[in-house]
Amino acid sequence: LKPRWLKQPLRLKPRRLVLPAIGPPAPAHSADSAMAKKAASAYFIFCGEQRNSIIEQYDLKGKPGAEVSKKAGELWKAMAPEDKKKWEDLAAKDKERYEEEVKTLGKRERAPKTDKDAPAGKRAKKDKDAPKKPLTPYFAWLAENRQVIIDKYQIDKTKITEVTK
């Protein structure tokens, strides 16, 4: 006798053909795309331009990005003000560019957070006008029979947990 799985023909799921993306990614179409892009700080411009040289110079290839950022921060702090001047000038130009764009395009406005955007650990605020949930059958029965239970077992009325036990 053959096992059941050998008797049935083998059914394979058809594989989906995945083609590699060709060309640059499509631009994101949103309301923010027409707004002014925020000006970069001197430190951000420094990190952007020096990142690859920092990775090569300090042997950080394959290391997490946090380690590269730490090293960049150390270098920035140790840098003399005369050396920082180059990056600060570029940041000033970028700030001027941003201010011009704000005049023509407008400033990006932050959308207020909704309850859906709240972190998982925080609860959403309770609606005070929402209707209350109906009593469960046990609590409906307890409300009707509470006095009988108190009289039968001689329980103090103020000890609510004793009554429910």
C-alpha atoms as a PDB file:
ATOM      1  CA  LEU A   1       0.000   0.000   0.000  1.00  0.00           C
ATOM      2  CA  LYS A   2       1.152   3.502  -0.834  1.00  0.00           C
ATOM      3  CA  PRO A   3       0.739   6.345   1.630  1.00  0.00           C
ATOM      4  CA  ARG A   4      -2.011   8.791   0.817  1.00  0.00           C
ATOM      5  CA  TRP A   5       0.408  11.652   0.022  1.00  0.00           C
ATOM      6  CA  LEU A   6       2.068   9.543  -2.690  1.00  0.00           C
ATOM      7  CA  LYS A   7      -1.245   8.753  -4.385  1.00  0.00           C
ATOM      8  CA  GLN A   8      -2.220  12.399  -4.775  1.00  0.00           C
ATOM      9  CA  PRO A   9      -0.495  14.454  -7.473  1.00  0.00           C
ATOM     10  CA  LEU A  10       2.005  16.978  -6.173  1.00  0.00           C
ATOM     11  CA  ARG A  11       0.571  20.513  -6.311  1.00  0.00           C
ATOM     12  CA  LEU A  12       3.074  23.307  -6.463  1.00  0.00           C
ATOM     13  CA  LYS A  13       2.157  26.926  -6.039  1.00  0.00           C
ATOM     14  CA  PRO A  14       3.094  29.010  -9.067  1.00  0.00           C
ATOM     15  CA  ARG A  15       6.033  31.243  -8.256  1.00  0.00           C
ATOM     16  CA  ARG A  16       5.692  34.939  -8.795  1.00  0.00           C
ATOM     17  CA  LEU A  17       8.273  36.525 -11.039  1.00  0.00           C
ATOM     18  CA  VAL A  18       9.968  39.455  -9.301  1.00  0.00           C
ATOM     19  CA  LEU A  19      11.666  41.929 -11.586  1.00  0.00           C
ATOM     20  CA  PRO A  20      14.339  44.297 -10.295  1.00  0.00           C
ATOM     21  CA  ALA A  21      13.454  47.965 -10.195  1.00  0.00           C
ATOM     22  CA  ILE A  22      14.871  49.930 -13.106  1.00  0.00           C
ATOM     23  CA  GLY A  23      15.785  53.579 -12.711  1.00  0.00           C
ATOM     24  CA  PRO A  24      15.295  55.901  -9.754  1.00  0.00           C
ATOM     25  CA  PRO A  25      12.393  55.300  -7.361  1.00  0.00           C
ATOM     26  CA  ALA A  26       9.168  57.124  -8.060  1.00  0.00           C
ATOM     27  CA  PRO A  27       8.815  60.382  -6.113  1.00  0.00           C
ATOM     28  CA  ALA A  28       6.419  60.330  -3.191  1.00  0.00           C
ATOM     29  CA  HIS A  29       3.379  62.390  -4.023  1.00  0.00           C
ATOM     30  CA  SER A  30       2.187  64.077  -0.895  1.00  0.00           C
ATOM     31  CA  ALA A  31       1.143  67.490   0.303  1.00  0.00           C
ATOM     32  CA  ASP A  32       4.584  67.946   1.894  1.00  0.00           C
ATOM     33  CA  SER A  33       6.510  67.412  -1.357  1.00  0.00           C
ATOM     34  CA  ALA A  34       5.625  70.946  -2.526  1.00  0.00           C
ATOM     35  CA  MET A  35       6.704  72.492   0.782  1.00  0.00           C
ATOM     36  CA  ALA A  36      10.121  73.873   1.711  1.00  0.00           C
ATOM     37  CA  LYS A  37      12.691  71.331   2.879  1.00  0.00           C
ATOM     38  CA  LYS A  38      14.150  72.222   6.288  1.00  0.00           C
ATOM     39  CA  ALA A  39      17.661  73.673   6.383  1.00  0.00           C
ATOM     40  CA  ALA A  40      20.435  71.296   7.481  1.00  0.00           C
ATOM     41  CA  SER A  41      22.702  72.161  10.405  1.00  0.00           C
ATOM     42  CA  ALA A  42      26.469  72.488  10.064  1.00  0.00           C
ATOM     43  CA  TYR A  43      26.931  69.151  11.833  1.00  0.00           C
ATOM     44  CA  PHE A  44      24.527  67.360   9.463  1.00  0.00           C
ATOM     45  CA  ILE A  45      26.299  68.743   6.408  1.00  0.00           C
ATOM     46  CA  PHE A  46      29.644  67.663   7.924  1.00  0.00           C
ATOM     47  CA  CYS A  47      28.318  64.132   8.578  1.00  0.00           C
ATOM     48  CA  GLY A  48      26.871  63.847   5.082  1.00  0.00           C
ATOM     49  CA  GLU A  49      30.091  64.817   3.368  1.00  0.00           C
ATOM     50  CA  GLN A  50      32.568  63.096   5.700  1.00  0.00           C
ATOM     51  CA  ARG A  51      30.699  59.853   6.489  1.00  0.00           C
ATOM     52  CA  ASN A  52      32.523  57.685   3.923  1.00  0.00           C
ATOM     53  CA  SER A  53      35.949  59.035   4.851  1.00  0.00           C
ATOM     54  CA  ILE A  54      35.215  58.441   8.564  1.00  0.00           C
ATOM     55  CA  ILE A  55      34.221  54.831   7.815  1.00  0.00           C
ATOM     56  CA  GLU A  56      37.420  54.223   5.831  1.00  0.00           C
ATOM     57  CA  GLN A  57      39.769  56.112   8.154  1.00  0.00           C
ATOM     58  CA  TYR A  58      38.548  54.477  11.402  1.00  0.00           C
ATOM     59  CA  ASP A  59      37.829  50.985   9.967  1.00  0.00           C
ATOM     60  CA  LEU A  60      34.064  51.116  10.612  1.00  0.00           C
ATOM     61  CA  LYS A  61      32.996  49.262   7.466  1.00  0.00           C
ATOM     62  CA  GLY A  62      30.168  46.847   8.301  1.00  0.00           C
ATOM     63  CA  LYS A  63      29.671  48.367  11.774  1.00  0.00           C
ATOM     64  CA  PRO A  64      26.287  49.716  12.903  1.00  0.00           C
ATOM     65  CA  GLY A  65      25.412  53.266  11.883  1.00  0.00           C
ATOM     66  CA  ALA A  66      25.312  54.311  15.538  1.00  0.00           C
ATOM     67  CA  GLU A  67      29.049  53.676  15.878  1.00  0.00           C
ATOM     68  CA  VAL A  68      29.777  55.776  12.791  1.00  0.00           C
ATOM     69  CA  SER A  69      27.596  58.575  14.193  1.00  0.00           C
ATOM     70  CA  LYS A  70      29.374  58.421  17.559  1.00  0.00           C
ATOM     71  CA  LYS A  71      32.743  58.752  15.861  1.00  0.00           C
ATOM     72  CA  ALA A  72      31.476  61.661  13.743  1.00  0.00           C
ATOM     73  CA  GLY A  73      30.221  63.366  16.919  1.00  0.00           C
ATOM     74  CA  GLU A  74      33.600  62.911  18.599  1.00  0.00           C
ATOM     75  CA  LEU A  75      35.370  64.395  15.581  1.00  0.00           C
ATOM     76  CA  TRP A  76      32.942  67.337  15.451  1.00  0.00           C
ATOM     77  CA  LYS A  77      33.456  68.117  19.136  1.00  0.00           C
ATOM     78  CA  ALA A  78      37.248  67.930  18.806  1.00  0.00           C
ATOM     79  CA  MET A  79      37.308  70.099  15.674  1.00  0.00           C
ATOM     80  CA  ALA A  80      38.656  73.623  16.022  1.00  0.00           C
ATOM     81  CA  PRO A  81      36.247  76.536  15.411  1.00  0.00           C
ATOM     82  CA  GLU A  82      38.301  77.588  12.365  1.00  0.00           C
ATOM     83  CA  ASP A  83      37.743  74.142  10.796  1.00  0.00           C
ATOM     84  CA  LYS A  84      34.019  74.234  11.623  1.00  0.00           C
ATOM     85  CA  LYS A  85      33.709  77.588   9.821  1.00  0.00           C
ATOM     86  CA  LYS A  86      33.486  75.867   6.405  1.00  0.00           C
ATOM     87  CA  TRP A  87      30.496  73.775   7.492  1.00  0.00           C
ATOM     88  CA  GLU A  88      28.829  76.682   9.283  1.00  0.00           C
ATOM     89  CA  ASP A  89      29.075  78.790   6.110  1.00  0.00           C
ATOM     90  CA  LEU A  90      27.411  75.991   4.122  1.00  0.00           C
ATOM     91  CA  ALA A  91      24.698  75.750   6.798  1.00  0.00           C
ATOM     92  CA  ALA A  92      24.114  79.524   6.575  1.00  0.00           C
ATOM     93  CA  LYS A  93      23.690  79.258   2.786  1.00  0.00           C
ATOM     94  CA  ASP A  94      21.268  76.371   3.259  1.00  0.00           C
ATOM     95  CA  LYS A  95      19.304  78.411   5.798  1.00  0.00           C
ATOM     96  CA  GLU A  96      19.034  81.277   3.283  1.00  0.00           C
ATOM     97  CA  ARG A  97      17.817  78.787   0.680  1.00  0.00           C
ATOM     98  CA  TYR A  98      15.213  77.506   3.136  1.00  0.00           C
ATOM     99  CA  GLU A  99      13.969  81.012   3.956  1.00  0.00           C
ATOM    100  CA  GLU A 100      13.581  81.768   0.234  1.00  0.00           C
ATOM    101  CA  GLU A 101      11.630  78.549  -0.282  1.00  0.00           C
ATOM    102  CA  VAL A 102       9.392  79.355   2.683  1.00  0.00           C
ATOM    103  CA  LYS A 103       8.521  82.682   1.032  1.00  0.00           C
ATOM    104  CA  THR A 104       7.593  80.998  -2.261  1.00  0.00           C
ATOM    105  CA  LEU A 105       6.344  77.533  -1.270  1.00  0.00           C
ATOM    106  CA  GLY A 106       5.303  77.849   2.352  1.00  0.00           C
ATOM    107  CA  LYS A 107       6.423  76.204   5.556  1.00  0.00           C
ATOM    108  CA  ARG A 108       5.788  72.575   6.484  1.00  0.00           C
ATOM    109  CA  GLU A 109       3.246  72.350   9.251  1.00  0.00           C
ATOM    110  CA  ARG A 110       3.307  69.529  11.741  1.00  0.00           C
ATOM    111  CA  ALA A 111       0.102  67.569  11.839  1.00  0.00           C
ATOM    112  CA  PRO A 112      -1.242  67.109  15.364  1.00  0.00           C
ATOM    113  CA  LYS A 113      -0.986  63.553  16.686  1.00  0.00           C
ATOM    114  CA  THR A 114      -4.158  61.510  16.635  1.00  0.00           C
ATOM    115  CA  ASP A 115      -5.047  58.625  18.943  1.00  0.00           C
ATOM    116  CA  LYS A 116      -3.862  56.201  16.247  1.00  0.00           C
ATOM    117  CA  ASP A 117      -0.370  57.784  16.288  1.00  0.00           C
ATOM    118  CA  ALA A 118      -0.025  57.281  20.054  1.00  0.00           C
ATOM    119  CA  PRO A 119       2.621  54.792  21.180  1.00  0.00           C
ATOM    120  CA  ALA A 120       1.485  51.290  22.091  1.00  0.00           C
ATOM    121  CA  GLY A 121       2.152  51.785  25.821  1.00  0.00           C
ATOM    122  CA  LYS A 122      -0.148  54.796  26.168  1.00  0.00           C
ATOM    123  CA  ARG A 123      -3.912  54.493  26.317  1.00  0.00           C
ATOM    124  CA  ALA A 124      -6.251  56.599  24.250  1.00  0.00           C
ATOM    125  CA  LYS A 125      -8.324  59.101  26.226  1.00  0.00           C
ATOM    126  CA  LYS A 126     -11.704  57.761  27.296  1.00  0.00           C
ATOM    127  CA  ASP A 127     -14.766  59.434  25.831  1.00  0.00           C
ATOM    128  CA  LYS A 128     -16.839  60.735  28.776  1.00  0.00           C
ATOM    129  CA  ASP A 129     -20.005  60.928  26.660  1.00  0.00           C
ATOM    130  CA  ALA A 130     -19.796  57.300  25.504  1.00  0.00           C
ATOM    131  CA  PRO A 131     -22.618  55.075  26.768  1.00  0.00           C
ATOM    132  CA  LYS A 132     -21.814  52.669  29.596  1.00  0.00           C
ATOM    133  CA  LYS A 133     -21.579  48.948  28.936  1.00  0.00           C
ATOM    134  CA  PRO A 134     -24.596  46.927  30.103  1.00  0.00           C
ATOM    135  CA  LEU A 135     -24.366  44.830  33.276  1.00  0.00           C
ATOM    136  CA  THR A 136     -23.240  41.244  32.890  1.00  0.00           C
ATOM    137  CA  PRO A 137     -25.804  38.626  33.982  1.00  0.00           C
ATOM    138  CA  TYR A 138     -23.839  37.935  37.195  1.00  0.00           C
ATOM    139  CA  PHE A 139     -23.840  41.577  38.292  1.00  0.00           C
ATOM    140  CA  ALA A 140     -27.534  41.942  37.408  1.00  0.00           C
ATOM    141  CA  TRP A 141     -28.290  38.900  39.607  1.00  0.00           C
ATOM    142  CA  LEU A 142     -26.019  40.210  42.386  1.00  0.00           C
ATOM    143  CA  ALA A 143     -27.808  43.583  42.392  1.00  0.00           C
ATOM    144  CA  GLU A 144     -31.159  41.808  42.925  1.00  0.00           C
ATOM    145  CA  ASN A 145     -29.891  39.327  45.539  1.00  0.00           C
ATOM    146  CA  ARG A 146     -27.312  41.394  47.455  1.00  0.00           C
ATOM    147  CA  GLN A 147     -29.528  42.016  50.493  1.00  0.00           C
ATOM    148  CA  VAL A 148     -30.533  38.346  50.704  1.00  0.00           C
ATOM    149  CA  ILE A 149     -26.845  37.287  50.704  1.00  0.00           C
ATOM    150  CA  ILE A 150     -25.950  39.885  53.374  1.00  0.00           C
ATOM    151  CA  ASP A 151     -28.822  38.674  55.628  1.00  0.00           C
ATOM    152  CA  LYS A 152     -28.123  34.959  55.076  1.00  0.00           C
ATOM    153  CA  TYR A 153     -24.379  35.073  55.831  1.00  0.00           C
ATOM    154  CA  GLN A 154     -24.415  38.039  58.309  1.00  0.00           C
ATOM    155  CA  ILE A 155     -21.879  40.060  56.275  1.00  0.00           C
ATOM    156  CA  ASP A 156     -21.110  43.726  56.947  1.00  0.00           C
ATOM    157  CA  LYS A 157     -22.613  45.924  54.176  1.00  0.00           C
ATOM    158  CA  THR A 158     -19.416  47.927  53.777  1.00  0.00           C
ATOM    159  CA  LYS A 159     -17.370  44.808  52.853  1.00  0.00           C
ATOM    160  CA  ILE A 160     -18.254  44.603  49.173  1.00  0.00           C
ATOM    161  CA  THR A 161     -15.680  41.925  48.336  1.00  0.00           C
ATOM    162  CA  GLU A 162     -17.051  39.593  51.035  1.00  0.00           C
ATOM    163  CA  VAL A 163     -20.521  39.856  49.473  1.00  0.00           C
ATOM    164  CA  THR A 164     -19.248  38.989  46.005  1.00  0.00           C
ATOM    165  CA  LYS A 165     -17.251  36.010  47.386  1.00  0.00           C
END
